[in-house]
Amino acid sequence: MKISRLVLLAMVIGSINFGLYARQMYTTGEVGYSIALVALSLFFIGLTIFGVVRNIKLSQSE
């Protein structure tokens, strides 16, 4: 079963928001929160890349 494009788009938008919020936290001096948000952002980007690759492989096998 393929992962919906809408879900993948939502994950990209979420990871961008996490990154922007991490930058805001870093500028206010809250480094711990910014590190956690950067980690979440990278995790979401990784999941999105995995989802796109998985969808491509599923499309090729059909």
Protein backbone atom coordinates (compact mmCIF):
# COMPACT_ATOMS: atom_id res chain seq x y z
CA MET A 1 0.00 0.00 0.00
CA LYS A 2 1.36 3.37 -1.02
CA ILE A 3 1.76 6.30 1.34
CA SER A 4 -0.49 9.17 0.31
CA ARG A 5 1.13 12.20 -1.29
CA LEU A 6 -0.85 14.39 1.06
CA VAL A 7 0.70 12.65 4.07
CA LEU A 8 4.19 13.08 2.60
CA LEU A 9 3.51 16.75 1.94
CA ALA A 10 2.27 17.22 5.50
CA MET A 11 5.47 15.63 6.80
CA VAL A 12 7.60 18.01 4.71
CA ILE A 13 5.65 21.02 5.95
CA GLY A 14 5.92 19.74 9.52
CA SER A 15 9.66 19.30 9.26
CA ILE A 16 10.05 22.82 7.87
CA ASN A 17 8.00 24.15 10.77
CA PHE A 18 10.14 22.22 13.25
CA GLY A 19 13.27 23.71 11.67
CA LEU A 20 11.94 27.25 11.80
CA TYR A 21 10.80 26.85 15.38
CA ALA A 22 14.21 25.39 16.29
CA ARG A 23 15.88 28.49 14.85
CA GLN A 24 13.59 30.70 16.89
CA MET A 25 14.36 28.74 20.05
CA TYR A 26 18.09 28.95 19.35
CA THR A 27 18.00 32.72 18.95
CA THR A 28 16.20 33.07 22.29
CA GLY A 29 18.89 31.00 23.96
CA GLU A 30 16.99 27.76 24.50
CA VAL A 31 19.53 25.41 22.96
CA GLY A 32 18.05 22.20 24.38
CA TYR A 33 14.69 22.77 22.71
CA SER A 34 16.35 23.71 19.44
CA ILE A 35 18.43 20.51 19.40
CA ALA A 36 15.32 18.42 20.04
CA LEU A 37 13.41 20.20 17.28
CA VAL A 38 16.28 19.81 14.81
CA ALA A 39 16.36 16.09 15.62
CA LEU A 40 12.61 15.84 15.01
CA SER A 41 12.96 17.78 11.78
CA LEU A 42 15.68 15.45 10.50
CA PHE A 43 13.61 12.43 11.55
CA PHE A 44 10.60 13.68 9.60
CA ILE A 45 12.74 14.44 6.55
CA GLY A 46 14.14 10.91 6.75
CA LEU A 47 10.67 9.42 6.99
CA THR A 48 9.54 11.47 4.01
CA ILE A 49 12.48 10.31 1.90
CA PHE A 50 11.77 6.72 2.94
CA GLY A 51 8.11 7.16 1.95
CA VAL A 52 8.95 8.57 -1.46
CA VAL A 53 11.45 5.78 -2.19
CA ARG A 54 8.93 3.20 -1.00
CA ASN A 55 6.22 4.64 -3.25
CA ILE A 56 8.57 4.58 -6.23
CA LYS A 57 9.48 0.94 -5.60
CA LEU A 58 5.83 0.00 -5.24
CA SER A 59 4.97 1.80 -8.49
CA GLN A 60 7.69 -0.04 -10.37
CA SER A 61 6.57 -3.44 -9.10
CA GLU A 62 2.95 -2.94 -10.27
